[in-house]
Amino acid sequence: MHVTPLAWWLTIGVAVAVLLFDVVVIGRRPHEPSRKEVSIALAAYVGLAMLFGIGVWLVAGHEYGTEFFAGWLTEYSLSVDNLFIFLIIMSRFGVPRQLQQSALLVGIVLALVMRGIFIAVGAAAINEFSWVFYLFGLFLVYTAVKLTKEGAENEDDFEESRLVKAVRRRLPTTPAWHGTRLLVREGGKRLITPMFVVVVALGTTDLLFALDSIPAIYGLTKEPFLVLTANIFALMGLRQLYFLIGGLLERLVYLTYGLAFLLGFIGLKLILHAMHENELPFVNGGRNISWAPDIPIWLSLAVIIGTLVVTTVVSLIASSKMSPEDLDDATGPRGH
């Protein structure tokens, strides 16, 4: 896929412009958004992603268009799963509702920066070492098995990262919230605010999420441009989704297992692709024949959509039959 430098810069420029618009709007008036507000914004982001995918389909061909949609859906589903952790972080630190938008926005910006770094590193590794697909694939299969064994965790099982604990232990902190400010001066001393600690918690969480989301999408497309744009569109609507379906998240009791299946499927796809690319042969009549199948992207997209639909439907049916106590036990933060 040939992407001109102009297309790269336009894509990055538009993403930065949208984020700056969000920063200015939220910064001027921190508030808890209404359902109408987040619904309109979320519909706009999803619509833009659909239009972009159709544009890729028409300009670059159906294969790249399918790769974008498969990558976007995968990253979006992983991002939805990550909302559980965001909910717990907001609850644990007691972030006021009117400040949660600002905290989420900072977390999303940090996620975009870190994922951009991971995308560049991943692209360079793939270009230099074809065997990196084996590492990506094995890591995703390991993550899938780990998720399946752990299942949904309870809120009490959630632990702060070592960095967050170090920040709270070593840096002077004020217990009072000061809006969106990260630092304040009290009694002649400069102190960090609870918002600073929340930002650190979100940032370290985003870093962990990137460890499986980037290998996962590289299992669906090797085009860095599609990897970047799929991540941008998946993250841009995350803030609105947080406020729109916060209650619905508790009803997706089998989401962890659905995502574990997807990560395992993509991991096996990566391993098979590595075998196919490396042409590990067996001898048959004096000819070398590559025996490893390469799973087509259309099949990957069908598996992704089917898994998400089945997981959502089964979760909603099961949760509707659970008591509130059983539902609390079945749900919780679904971290990777």
C-alpha atoms as a PDB file:
ATOM      1  CA  MET A   1       0.000   0.000   0.000  1.00  0.00           C
ATOM      2  CA  HIS A   2       1.550   3.261  -1.133  1.00  0.00           C
ATOM      3  CA  VAL A   3       0.859   6.173   1.212  1.00  0.00           C
ATOM      4  CA  THR A   4       2.320   9.555   0.296  1.00  0.00           C
ATOM      5  CA  PRO A   5       3.986  11.779   2.911  1.00  0.00           C
ATOM      6  CA  LEU A   6       1.135  14.260   2.364  1.00  0.00           C
ATOM      7  CA  ALA A   7      -1.433  11.624   3.358  1.00  0.00           C
ATOM      8  CA  TRP A   8       0.573  10.799   6.489  1.00  0.00           C
ATOM      9  CA  TRP A   9       0.825  14.423   7.556  1.00  0.00           C
ATOM     10  CA  LEU A  10      -2.825  15.154   6.746  1.00  0.00           C
ATOM     11  CA  THR A  11      -3.903  12.180   8.865  1.00  0.00           C
ATOM     12  CA  ILE A  12      -1.744  13.202  11.802  1.00  0.00           C
ATOM     13  CA  GLY A  13      -2.758  16.853  11.404  1.00  0.00           C
ATOM     14  CA  VAL A  14      -6.490  16.068  11.445  1.00  0.00           C
ATOM     15  CA  ALA A  15      -6.081  13.819  14.503  1.00  0.00           C
ATOM     16  CA  VAL A  16      -4.162  16.549  16.352  1.00  0.00           C
ATOM     17  CA  ALA A  17      -6.776  19.145  15.352  1.00  0.00           C
ATOM     18  CA  VAL A  18      -9.627  17.019  16.700  1.00  0.00           C
ATOM     19  CA  LEU A  19      -7.769  16.433  19.955  1.00  0.00           C
ATOM     20  CA  LEU A  20      -6.979  20.137  20.318  1.00  0.00           C
ATOM     21  CA  PHE A  21     -10.644  20.939  19.741  1.00  0.00           C
ATOM     22  CA  ASP A  22     -11.559  18.499  22.514  1.00  0.00           C
ATOM     23  CA  VAL A  23      -8.929  19.992  24.818  1.00  0.00           C
ATOM     24  CA  VAL A  24     -10.170  23.551  24.240  1.00  0.00           C
ATOM     25  CA  VAL A  25     -13.862  22.689  24.624  1.00  0.00           C
ATOM     26  CA  ILE A  26     -13.449  20.553  27.741  1.00  0.00           C
ATOM     27  CA  GLY A  27     -10.776  22.823  29.216  1.00  0.00           C
ATOM     28  CA  ARG A  28     -13.061  25.834  29.022  1.00  0.00           C
ATOM     29  CA  ARG A  29     -16.011  24.053  30.608  1.00  0.00           C
ATOM     30  CA  PRO A  30     -15.321  20.841  32.542  1.00  0.00           C
ATOM     31  CA  HIS A  31     -18.649  19.037  32.899  1.00  0.00           C
ATOM     32  CA  GLU A  32     -20.416  15.707  32.852  1.00  0.00           C
ATOM     33  CA  PRO A  33     -21.682  15.331  29.265  1.00  0.00           C
ATOM     34  CA  SER A  34     -25.328  14.621  28.547  1.00  0.00           C
ATOM     35  CA  ARG A  35     -26.454  11.459  26.789  1.00  0.00           C
ATOM     36  CA  LYS A  36     -27.413  13.509  23.728  1.00  0.00           C
ATOM     37  CA  GLU A  37     -23.977  15.149  23.614  1.00  0.00           C
ATOM     38  CA  VAL A  38     -22.014  11.911  23.755  1.00  0.00           C
ATOM     39  CA  SER A  39     -24.415  10.111  21.379  1.00  0.00           C
ATOM     40  CA  ILE A  40     -23.940  12.747  18.674  1.00  0.00           C
ATOM     41  CA  ALA A  41     -20.150  12.795  19.106  1.00  0.00           C
ATOM     42  CA  LEU A  42     -19.881   8.980  19.129  1.00  0.00           C
ATOM     43  CA  ALA A  43     -22.057   8.677  16.025  1.00  0.00           C
ATOM     44  CA  ALA A  44     -19.817  11.224  14.293  1.00  0.00           C
ATOM     45  CA  TYR A  45     -16.626   9.303  15.163  1.00  0.00           C
ATOM     46  CA  VAL A  46     -18.075   5.952  14.086  1.00  0.00           C
ATOM     47  CA  GLY A  47     -19.395   7.531  10.892  1.00  0.00           C
ATOM     48  CA  LEU A  48     -15.986   9.028  10.111  1.00  0.00           C
ATOM     49  CA  ALA A  49     -14.330   5.637  10.666  1.00  0.00           C
ATOM     50  CA  MET A  50     -16.819   3.986   8.313  1.00  0.00           C
ATOM     51  CA  LEU A  51     -16.278   6.656   5.659  1.00  0.00           C
ATOM     52  CA  PHE A  52     -12.509   6.348   5.998  1.00  0.00           C
ATOM     53  CA  GLY A  53     -12.697   2.571   5.603  1.00  0.00           C
ATOM     54  CA  ILE A  54     -14.893   2.915   2.518  1.00  0.00           C
ATOM     55  CA  GLY A  55     -12.422   5.462   1.139  1.00  0.00           C
ATOM     56  CA  VAL A  56      -9.534   3.036   1.659  1.00  0.00           C
ATOM     57  CA  TRP A  57     -11.616   0.316  -0.015  1.00  0.00           C
ATOM     58  CA  LEU A  58     -12.282   2.492  -3.091  1.00  0.00           C
ATOM     59  CA  VAL A  59      -8.817   4.034  -3.421  1.00  0.00           C
ATOM     60  CA  ALA A  60      -6.478   1.209  -2.356  1.00  0.00           C
ATOM     61  CA  GLY A  61      -8.628  -1.863  -3.008  1.00  0.00           C
ATOM     62  CA  HIS A  62     -10.975  -4.159  -1.119  1.00  0.00           C
ATOM     63  CA  GLU A  63      -8.170  -6.074   0.619  1.00  0.00           C
ATOM     64  CA  TYR A  64      -6.808  -2.984   2.384  1.00  0.00           C
ATOM     65  CA  GLY A  65     -10.336  -1.789   3.103  1.00  0.00           C
ATOM     66  CA  THR A  66     -11.141  -5.107   4.758  1.00  0.00           C
ATOM     67  CA  GLU A  67      -7.884  -4.949   6.734  1.00  0.00           C
ATOM     68  CA  PHE A  68      -8.811  -1.510   8.065  1.00  0.00           C
ATOM     69  CA  PHE A  69     -12.277  -2.605   9.192  1.00  0.00           C
ATOM     70  CA  ALA A  70     -10.891  -5.779  10.814  1.00  0.00           C
ATOM     71  CA  GLY A  71      -8.202  -3.784  12.626  1.00  0.00           C
ATOM     72  CA  TRP A  72     -10.598  -1.026  13.687  1.00  0.00           C
ATOM     73  CA  LEU A  73     -13.161  -3.479  15.084  1.00  0.00           C
ATOM     74  CA  THR A  74     -10.471  -5.369  16.966  1.00  0.00           C
ATOM     75  CA  GLU A  75      -8.940  -2.222  18.459  1.00  0.00           C
ATOM     76  CA  TYR A  76     -12.398  -0.867  19.288  1.00  0.00           C
ATOM     77  CA  SER A  77     -13.431  -4.060  21.067  1.00  0.00           C
ATOM     78  CA  LEU A  78     -10.179  -4.068  23.066  1.00  0.00           C
ATOM     79  CA  SER A  79     -10.766  -0.396  23.910  1.00  0.00           C
ATOM     80  CA  VAL A  80     -14.281  -1.172  25.146  1.00  0.00           C
ATOM     81  CA  ASP A  81     -12.826  -3.871  27.376  1.00  0.00           C
ATOM     82  CA  ASN A  82     -10.323  -1.357  28.728  1.00  0.00           C
ATOM     83  CA  LEU A  83     -13.170   0.913  29.837  1.00  0.00           C
ATOM     84  CA  PHE A  84     -13.647  -1.431  32.788  1.00  0.00           C
ATOM     85  CA  ILE A  85     -10.238  -0.432  34.098  1.00  0.00           C
ATOM     86  CA  PHE A  86     -10.981   3.261  33.508  1.00  0.00           C
ATOM     87  CA  LEU A  87     -14.202   2.905  35.504  1.00  0.00           C
ATOM     88  CA  ILE A  88     -12.304   1.341  38.401  1.00  0.00           C
ATOM     89  CA  ILE A  89      -9.569   4.007  38.316  1.00  0.00           C
ATOM     90  CA  MET A  90     -12.172   6.782  38.419  1.00  0.00           C
ATOM     91  CA  SER A  91     -13.942   5.057  41.292  1.00  0.00           C
ATOM     92  CA  ARG A  92     -10.789   4.266  43.298  1.00  0.00           C
ATOM     93  CA  PHE A  93      -9.474   7.830  43.120  1.00  0.00           C
ATOM     94  CA  GLY A  94     -12.882   9.417  43.589  1.00  0.00           C
ATOM     95  CA  VAL A  95     -12.655  11.562  40.465  1.00  0.00           C
ATOM     96  CA  PRO A  96     -15.591  14.028  40.414  1.00  0.00           C
ATOM     97  CA  ARG A  97     -17.934  13.355  37.498  1.00  0.00           C
ATOM     98  CA  GLN A  98     -17.363  16.811  36.009  1.00  0.00           C
ATOM     99  CA  LEU A  99     -13.605  16.156  35.857  1.00  0.00           C
ATOM    100  CA  GLN A 100     -13.737  12.647  34.406  1.00  0.00           C
ATOM    101  CA  GLN A 101     -13.878  13.929  30.817  1.00  0.00           C
ATOM    102  CA  SER A 102     -10.611  15.811  31.305  1.00  0.00           C
ATOM    103  CA  ALA A 103      -8.915  12.797  32.889  1.00  0.00           C
ATOM    104  CA  LEU A 104     -10.087  10.519  30.095  1.00  0.00           C
ATOM    105  CA  LEU A 105      -8.940  12.970  27.428  1.00  0.00           C
ATOM    106  CA  VAL A 106      -5.430  13.099  28.891  1.00  0.00           C
ATOM    107  CA  GLY A 107      -5.399   9.311  29.073  1.00  0.00           C
ATOM    108  CA  ILE A 108      -6.450   9.035  25.420  1.00  0.00           C
ATOM    109  CA  VAL A 109      -3.745  11.481  24.316  1.00  0.00           C
ATOM    110  CA  LEU A 110      -1.141   9.449  26.216  1.00  0.00           C
ATOM    111  CA  ALA A 111      -2.493   6.262  24.648  1.00  0.00           C
ATOM    112  CA  LEU A 112      -2.185   7.708  21.139  1.00  0.00           C
ATOM    113  CA  VAL A 113       1.401   8.806  21.777  1.00  0.00           C
ATOM    114  CA  MET A 114       2.465   5.446  23.221  1.00  0.00           C
ATOM    115  CA  ARG A 115       0.684   3.456  20.546  1.00  0.00           C
ATOM    116  CA  GLY A 116       2.317   5.619  17.889  1.00  0.00           C
ATOM    117  CA  ILE A 117       5.701   4.668  19.328  1.00  0.00           C
ATOM    118  CA  PHE A 118       4.750   0.975  19.472  1.00  0.00           C
ATOM    119  CA  ILE A 119       3.468   1.104  15.878  1.00  0.00           C
ATOM    120  CA  ALA A 120       6.758   2.579  14.633  1.00  0.00           C
ATOM    121  CA  VAL A 121       8.812   0.034  16.588  1.00  0.00           C
ATOM    122  CA  GLY A 122       6.599  -2.808  15.384  1.00  0.00           C
ATOM    123  CA  ALA A 123       6.853  -1.728  11.751  1.00  0.00           C
ATOM    124  CA  ALA A 124      10.643  -1.477  11.968  1.00  0.00           C
ATOM    125  CA  ALA A 125      10.886  -4.902  13.610  1.00  0.00           C
ATOM    126  CA  ILE A 126       8.664  -6.502  10.966  1.00  0.00           C
ATOM    127  CA  ASN A 127      10.732  -5.002   8.146  1.00  0.00           C
ATOM    128  CA  GLU A 128      13.986  -6.230   9.651  1.00  0.00           C
ATOM    129  CA  PHE A 129      13.008  -9.551  11.194  1.00  0.00           C
ATOM    130  CA  SER A 130      10.295 -11.732   9.692  1.00  0.00           C
ATOM    131  CA  TRP A 131      10.430 -14.014  12.740  1.00  0.00           C
ATOM    132  CA  VAL A 132       8.967 -11.234  14.900  1.00  0.00           C
ATOM    133  CA  PHE A 133       5.550 -12.573  13.845  1.00  0.00           C
ATOM    134  CA  TYR A 134       6.324 -15.687  15.885  1.00  0.00           C
ATOM    135  CA  LEU A 135       6.911 -13.515  18.959  1.00  0.00           C
ATOM    136  CA  PHE A 136       3.736 -11.492  18.375  1.00  0.00           C
ATOM    137  CA  GLY A 137       1.713 -14.643  17.815  1.00  0.00           C
ATOM    138  CA  LEU A 138       3.016 -16.491  20.862  1.00  0.00           C
ATOM    139  CA  PHE A 139       2.475 -13.422  23.045  1.00  0.00           C
ATOM    140  CA  LEU A 140      -1.161 -13.112  21.906  1.00  0.00           C
ATOM    141  CA  VAL A 141      -1.820 -16.819  22.480  1.00  0.00           C
ATOM    142  CA  TYR A 142      -0.263 -16.512  25.967  1.00  0.00           C
ATOM    143  CA  THR A 143      -2.450 -13.450  26.683  1.00  0.00           C
ATOM    144  CA  ALA A 144      -5.547 -15.315  25.492  1.00  0.00           C
ATOM    145  CA  VAL A 145      -4.830 -18.287  27.766  1.00  0.00           C
ATOM    146  CA  LYS A 146      -4.127 -15.958  30.685  1.00  0.00           C
ATOM    147  CA  LEU A 147      -7.409 -14.092  30.136  1.00  0.00           C
ATOM    148  CA  THR A 148      -9.360 -17.330  29.913  1.00  0.00           C
ATOM    149  CA  LYS A 149      -7.909 -18.632  33.189  1.00  0.00           C
ATOM    150  CA  GLU A 150      -8.359 -15.367  35.078  1.00  0.00           C
ATOM    151  CA  GLY A 151     -11.778 -14.479  33.657  1.00  0.00           C
ATOM    152  CA  ALA A 152     -13.400 -11.380  35.079  1.00  0.00           C
ATOM    153  CA  GLU A 153     -11.736  -9.933  38.131  1.00  0.00           C
ATOM    154  CA  ASN A 154     -13.426  -8.300  41.088  1.00  0.00           C
ATOM    155  CA  GLU A 155     -12.824  -4.658  41.821  1.00  0.00           C
ATOM    156  CA  ASP A 156     -11.033  -5.631  45.033  1.00  0.00           C
ATOM    157  CA  ASP A 157      -8.451  -7.498  42.932  1.00  0.00           C
ATOM    158  CA  PHE A 158      -7.407  -4.341  41.098  1.00  0.00           C
ATOM    159  CA  GLU A 159      -3.963  -3.114  42.161  1.00  0.00           C
ATOM    160  CA  GLU A 160      -2.223   0.147  41.441  1.00  0.00           C
ATOM    161  CA  SER A 161       0.926  -0.030  39.340  1.00  0.00           C
ATOM    162  CA  ARG A 162       4.297   0.315  41.002  1.00  0.00           C
ATOM    163  CA  LEU A 163       4.770   3.701  39.357  1.00  0.00           C
ATOM    164  CA  VAL A 164       1.520   5.038  40.815  1.00  0.00           C
ATOM    165  CA  LYS A 165       2.438   3.708  44.264  1.00  0.00           C
ATOM    166  CA  ALA A 166       5.881   5.319  43.995  1.00  0.00           C
ATOM    167  CA  VAL A 167       4.378   8.670  42.967  1.00  0.00           C
ATOM    168  CA  ARG A 168       1.921   8.665  45.861  1.00  0.00           C
ATOM    169  CA  ARG A 169       4.589   7.586  48.341  1.00  0.00           C
ATOM    170  CA  ARG A 170       7.456   9.868  47.339  1.00  0.00           C
ATOM    171  CA  LEU A 171       5.872  13.047  46.004  1.00  0.00           C
ATOM    172  CA  PRO A 172       4.040  15.502  48.276  1.00  0.00           C
ATOM    173  CA  THR A 173       0.360  15.320  47.427  1.00  0.00           C
ATOM    174  CA  THR A 174      -2.617  17.458  48.323  1.00  0.00           C
ATOM    175  CA  PRO A 175      -5.810  15.514  49.096  1.00  0.00           C
ATOM    176  CA  ALA A 176      -8.005  18.269  47.665  1.00  0.00           C
ATOM    177  CA  TRP A 177      -9.081  18.430  44.039  1.00  0.00           C
ATOM    178  CA  HIS A 178      -8.122  21.610  42.187  1.00  0.00           C
ATOM    179  CA  GLY A 179     -10.092  21.182  39.003  1.00  0.00           C
ATOM    180  CA  THR A 180      -7.942  19.929  36.152  1.00  0.00           C
ATOM    181  CA  ARG A 181      -4.698  21.290  37.619  1.00  0.00           C
ATOM    182  CA  LEU A 182      -1.864  18.802  38.050  1.00  0.00           C
ATOM    183  CA  LEU A 183       0.311  20.934  40.371  1.00  0.00           C
ATOM    184  CA  VAL A 184      -0.558  23.517  43.030  1.00  0.00           C
ATOM    185  CA  ARG A 185       1.355  25.611  45.519  1.00  0.00           C
ATOM    186  CA  GLU A 186       0.246  25.439  49.152  1.00  0.00           C
ATOM    187  CA  GLY A 187       2.136  26.903  52.103  1.00  0.00           C
ATOM    188  CA  GLY A 188       5.069  27.751  49.864  1.00  0.00           C
ATOM    189  CA  LYS A 189       5.393  24.150  48.689  1.00  0.00           C
ATOM    190  CA  ARG A 190       4.610  22.734  45.277  1.00  0.00           C
ATOM    191  CA  LEU A 191       2.302  19.731  45.555  1.00  0.00           C
ATOM    192  CA  ILE A 192       0.835  17.303  43.050  1.00  0.00           C
ATOM    193  CA  THR A 193      -2.942  16.973  42.904  1.00  0.00           C
ATOM    194  CA  PRO A 194      -5.087  13.820  42.779  1.00  0.00           C
ATOM    195  CA  MET A 195      -5.576  14.563  39.059  1.00  0.00           C
ATOM    196  CA  PHE A 196      -1.811  14.114  38.542  1.00  0.00           C
ATOM    197  CA  VAL A 197      -1.960  10.670  40.147  1.00  0.00           C
ATOM    198  CA  VAL A 198      -4.996   9.721  38.036  1.00  0.00           C
ATOM    199  CA  VAL A 199      -3.171  10.763  34.854  1.00  0.00           C
ATOM    200  CA  VAL A 200      -0.174   8.598  35.841  1.00  0.00           C
ATOM    201  CA  ALA A 201      -2.518   5.663  36.528  1.00  0.00           C
ATOM    202  CA  LEU A 202      -4.237   6.060  33.149  1.00  0.00           C
ATOM    203  CA  GLY A 203      -0.909   6.435  31.350  1.00  0.00           C
ATOM    204  CA  THR A 204       0.631   3.275  32.808  1.00  0.00           C
ATOM    205  CA  THR A 205      -2.592   1.396  32.100  1.00  0.00           C
ATOM    206  CA  ASP A 206      -2.543   2.578  28.474  1.00  0.00           C
ATOM    207  CA  LEU A 207       1.022   1.315  28.153  1.00  0.00           C
ATOM    208  CA  LEU A 208      -0.015  -2.173  29.253  1.00  0.00           C
ATOM    209  CA  PHE A 209      -2.971  -2.143  26.868  1.00  0.00           C
ATOM    210  CA  ALA A 210      -0.694  -1.297  23.930  1.00  0.00           C
ATOM    211  CA  LEU A 211       1.340  -4.450  24.575  1.00  0.00           C
ATOM    212  CA  ASP A 212      -1.426  -6.672  23.229  1.00  0.00           C
ATOM    213  CA  SER A 213      -3.421  -4.292  21.014  1.00  0.00           C
ATOM    214  CA  ILE A 214      -0.517  -3.468  18.673  1.00  0.00           C
ATOM    215  CA  PRO A 215       0.567  -7.105  18.043  1.00  0.00           C
ATOM    216  CA  ALA A 216      -3.124  -7.959  17.572  1.00  0.00           C
ATOM    217  CA  ILE A 217      -3.665  -5.461  14.774  1.00  0.00           C
ATOM    218  CA  TYR A 218      -0.351  -6.342  13.127  1.00  0.00           C
ATOM    219  CA  GLY A 219      -1.838  -9.808  12.886  1.00  0.00           C
ATOM    220  CA  LEU A 220      -4.518  -8.354  10.617  1.00  0.00           C
ATOM    221  CA  THR A 221      -2.523  -5.879   8.533  1.00  0.00           C
ATOM    222  CA  LYS A 222       1.150  -5.119   7.999  1.00  0.00           C
ATOM    223  CA  GLU A 223       0.439  -1.568   6.818  1.00  0.00           C
ATOM    224  CA  PRO A 224       1.558   0.973   9.481  1.00  0.00           C
ATOM    225  CA  PHE A 225      -0.827   3.579   8.024  1.00  0.00           C
ATOM    226  CA  LEU A 226      -3.832   1.308   8.591  1.00  0.00           C
ATOM    227  CA  VAL A 227      -2.555   0.318  12.034  1.00  0.00           C
ATOM    228  CA  LEU A 228      -2.266   3.990  13.030  1.00  0.00           C
ATOM    229  CA  THR A 229      -5.621   5.100  11.628  1.00  0.00           C
ATOM    230  CA  ALA A 230      -7.452   2.106  13.136  1.00  0.00           C
ATOM    231  CA  ASN A 231      -6.035   3.016  16.556  1.00  0.00           C
ATOM    232  CA  ILE A 232      -6.873   6.700  16.134  1.00  0.00           C
ATOM    233  CA  PHE A 233     -10.516   5.997  15.268  1.00  0.00           C
ATOM    234  CA  ALA A 234     -10.819   3.395  18.042  1.00  0.00           C
ATOM    235  CA  LEU A 235      -9.510   5.764  20.709  1.00  0.00           C
ATOM    236  CA  MET A 236     -11.228   8.965  19.591  1.00  0.00           C
ATOM    237  CA  GLY A 237     -14.703   7.740  20.481  1.00  0.00           C
ATOM    238  CA  LEU A 238     -13.611   6.109  23.720  1.00  0.00           C
ATOM    239  CA  ARG A 239     -14.400   9.098  25.953  1.00  0.00           C
ATOM    240  CA  GLN A 240     -17.969   9.332  24.673  1.00  0.00           C
ATOM    241  CA  LEU A 241     -18.418   5.579  24.926  1.00  0.00           C
ATOM    242  CA  TYR A 242     -17.344   5.706  28.575  1.00  0.00           C
ATOM    243  CA  PHE A 243     -20.274   7.952  29.495  1.00  0.00           C
ATOM    244  CA  LEU A 244     -22.784   6.382  27.095  1.00  0.00           C
ATOM    245  CA  ILE A 245     -22.580   2.703  28.000  1.00  0.00           C
ATOM    246  CA  GLY A 246     -21.063   2.738  31.485  1.00  0.00           C
ATOM    247  CA  GLY A 247     -24.053   0.784  32.810  1.00  0.00           C
ATOM    248  CA  LEU A 248     -24.133  -1.589  29.854  1.00  0.00           C
ATOM    249  CA  LEU A 249     -20.508  -2.613  30.445  1.00  0.00           C
ATOM    250  CA  GLU A 250     -21.544  -4.405  33.617  1.00  0.00           C
ATOM    251  CA  ARG A 251     -23.850  -6.616  31.550  1.00  0.00           C
ATOM    252  CA  LEU A 252     -21.148  -7.826  29.142  1.00  0.00           C
ATOM    253  CA  VAL A 253     -20.253 -10.701  31.455  1.00  0.00           C
ATOM    254  CA  TYR A 254     -18.548 -12.820  28.779  1.00  0.00           C
ATOM    255  CA  LEU A 255     -16.630 -10.045  27.026  1.00  0.00           C
ATOM    256  CA  THR A 256     -13.326 -11.228  28.476  1.00  0.00           C
ATOM    257  CA  TYR A 257     -13.778 -14.704  27.009  1.00  0.00           C
ATOM    258  CA  GLY A 258     -14.798 -13.326  23.625  1.00  0.00           C
ATOM    259  CA  LEU A 259     -11.697 -11.141  23.496  1.00  0.00           C
ATOM    260  CA  ALA A 260      -9.538 -14.052  24.685  1.00  0.00           C
ATOM    261  CA  PHE A 261     -10.829 -16.084  21.744  1.00  0.00           C
ATOM    262  CA  LEU A 262     -10.101 -13.215  19.344  1.00  0.00           C
ATOM    263  CA  LEU A 263      -6.560 -12.723  20.644  1.00  0.00           C
ATOM    264  CA  GLY A 264      -5.926 -16.452  20.448  1.00  0.00           C
ATOM    265  CA  PHE A 265      -7.276 -16.595  16.883  1.00  0.00           C
ATOM    266  CA  ILE A 266      -5.146 -13.642  15.768  1.00  0.00           C
ATOM    267  CA  GLY A 267      -2.110 -15.126  17.541  1.00  0.00           C
ATOM    268  CA  LEU A 268      -2.486 -18.407  15.648  1.00  0.00           C
ATOM    269  CA  LYS A 269      -3.039 -16.441  12.443  1.00  0.00           C
ATOM    270  CA  LEU A 270       0.251 -14.626  13.038  1.00  0.00           C
ATOM    271  CA  ILE A 271       2.153 -17.860  13.640  1.00  0.00           C
ATOM    272  CA  LEU A 272       0.681 -19.472  10.518  1.00  0.00           C
ATOM    273  CA  HIS A 273       1.460 -16.324   8.535  1.00  0.00           C
ATOM    274  CA  ALA A 274       5.074 -16.438   9.740  1.00  0.00           C
ATOM    275  CA  MET A 275       5.342 -20.061   8.675  1.00  0.00           C
ATOM    276  CA  HIS A 276       3.805 -19.225   5.328  1.00  0.00           C
ATOM    277  CA  GLU A 277       6.105 -16.252   4.719  1.00  0.00           C
ATOM    278  CA  ASN A 278       9.189 -18.176   5.788  1.00  0.00           C
ATOM    279  CA  GLU A 279       8.067 -21.058   3.554  1.00  0.00           C
ATOM    280  CA  LEU A 280       8.845 -23.827   5.992  1.00  0.00           C
ATOM    281  CA  PRO A 281       8.736 -26.681   3.487  1.00  0.00           C
ATOM    282  CA  PHE A 282       8.443 -30.382   3.369  1.00  0.00           C
ATOM    283  CA  VAL A 283       9.800 -32.411   0.504  1.00  0.00           C
ATOM    284  CA  ASN A 284       7.255 -33.988  -1.806  1.00  0.00           C
ATOM    285  CA  GLY A 285       8.532 -35.433  -5.055  1.00  0.00           C
ATOM    286  CA  GLY A 286      11.564 -33.192  -5.002  1.00  0.00           C
ATOM    287  CA  ARG A 287       9.510 -29.991  -4.699  1.00  0.00           C
ATOM    288  CA  ASN A 288       9.410 -27.585  -1.774  1.00  0.00           C
ATOM    289  CA  ILE A 289       5.817 -26.824  -0.853  1.00  0.00           C
ATOM    290  CA  SER A 290       4.841 -24.253   1.771  1.00  0.00           C
ATOM    291  CA  TRP A 291       2.462 -26.247   3.987  1.00  0.00           C
ATOM    292  CA  ALA A 292       1.291 -23.506   6.379  1.00  0.00           C
ATOM    293  CA  PRO A 293      -2.025 -21.912   5.329  1.00  0.00           C
ATOM    294  CA  ASP A 294      -2.366 -18.120   5.340  1.00  0.00           C
ATOM    295  CA  ILE A 295      -5.772 -17.191   6.772  1.00  0.00           C
ATOM    296  CA  PRO A 296      -7.421 -14.645   4.414  1.00  0.00           C
ATOM    297  CA  ILE A 297      -8.408 -11.269   5.782  1.00  0.00           C
ATOM    298  CA  TRP A 298     -12.095 -11.727   4.860  1.00  0.00           C
ATOM    299  CA  LEU A 299     -12.239 -14.795   7.097  1.00  0.00           C
ATOM    300  CA  SER A 300     -10.557 -12.865   9.911  1.00  0.00           C
ATOM    301  CA  LEU A 301     -13.150 -10.075   9.596  1.00  0.00           C
ATOM    302  CA  ALA A 302     -15.989 -12.627   9.646  1.00  0.00           C
ATOM    303  CA  VAL A 303     -14.555 -14.280  12.785  1.00  0.00           C
ATOM    304  CA  ILE A 304     -14.152 -10.895  14.512  1.00  0.00           C
ATOM    305  CA  ILE A 305     -17.702  -9.747  13.752  1.00  0.00           C
ATOM    306  CA  GLY A 306     -19.188 -13.144  14.602  1.00  0.00           C
ATOM    307  CA  THR A 307     -17.321 -13.349  17.912  1.00  0.00           C
ATOM    308  CA  LEU A 308     -18.350  -9.844  18.983  1.00  0.00           C
ATOM    309  CA  VAL A 309     -22.007 -10.436  18.067  1.00  0.00           C
ATOM    310  CA  VAL A 310     -22.210 -13.832  19.800  1.00  0.00           C
ATOM    311  CA  THR A 311     -20.360 -12.550  22.891  1.00  0.00           C
ATOM    312  CA  THR A 312     -22.640  -9.524  23.215  1.00  0.00           C
ATOM    313  CA  VAL A 313     -25.895 -11.438  22.694  1.00  0.00           C
ATOM    314  CA  VAL A 314     -24.965 -14.301  25.046  1.00  0.00           C
ATOM    315  CA  SER A 315     -23.730 -11.820  27.679  1.00  0.00           C
ATOM    316  CA  LEU A 316     -26.938  -9.775  27.605  1.00  0.00           C
ATOM    317  CA  ILE A 317     -29.128 -12.897  27.777  1.00  0.00           C
ATOM    318  CA  ALA A 318     -27.109 -14.352  30.668  1.00  0.00           C
ATOM    319  CA  SER A 319     -26.917 -11.079  32.614  1.00  0.00           C
ATOM    320  CA  SER A 320     -30.690 -10.552  32.314  1.00  0.00           C
ATOM    321  CA  LYS A 321     -31.198 -13.783  34.274  1.00  0.00           C
ATOM    322  CA  MET A 322     -28.678 -12.919  37.017  1.00  0.00           C
ATOM    323  CA  SER A 323     -29.419 -11.339  40.368  1.00  0.00           C
ATOM    324  CA  PRO A 324     -27.614  -8.062  41.172  1.00  0.00           C
ATOM    325  CA  GLU A 325     -25.256  -9.971  43.491  1.00  0.00           C
ATOM    326  CA  ASP A 326     -24.399 -12.572  40.851  1.00  0.00           C
ATOM    327  CA  LEU A 327     -23.897  -9.816  38.277  1.00  0.00           C
ATOM    328  CA  ASP A 328     -21.427  -8.049  40.573  1.00  0.00           C
ATOM    329  CA  ASP A 329     -19.486 -11.300  40.981  1.00  0.00           C
ATOM    330  CA  ALA A 330     -19.454 -11.937  37.226  1.00  0.00           C
ATOM    331  CA  THR A 331     -18.223  -8.500  36.229  1.00  0.00           C
ATOM    332  CA  GLY A 332     -15.225  -6.356  37.133  1.00  0.00           C
ATOM    333  CA  PRO A 333     -12.166  -4.826  35.537  1.00  0.00           C
ATOM    334  CA  ARG A 334     -10.944  -6.782  32.572  1.00  0.00           C
ATOM    335  CA  GLY A 335      -7.312  -5.895  32.372  1.00  0.00           C
ATOM    336  CA  HIS A 336      -4.672  -7.446  30.115  1.00  0.00           C
END
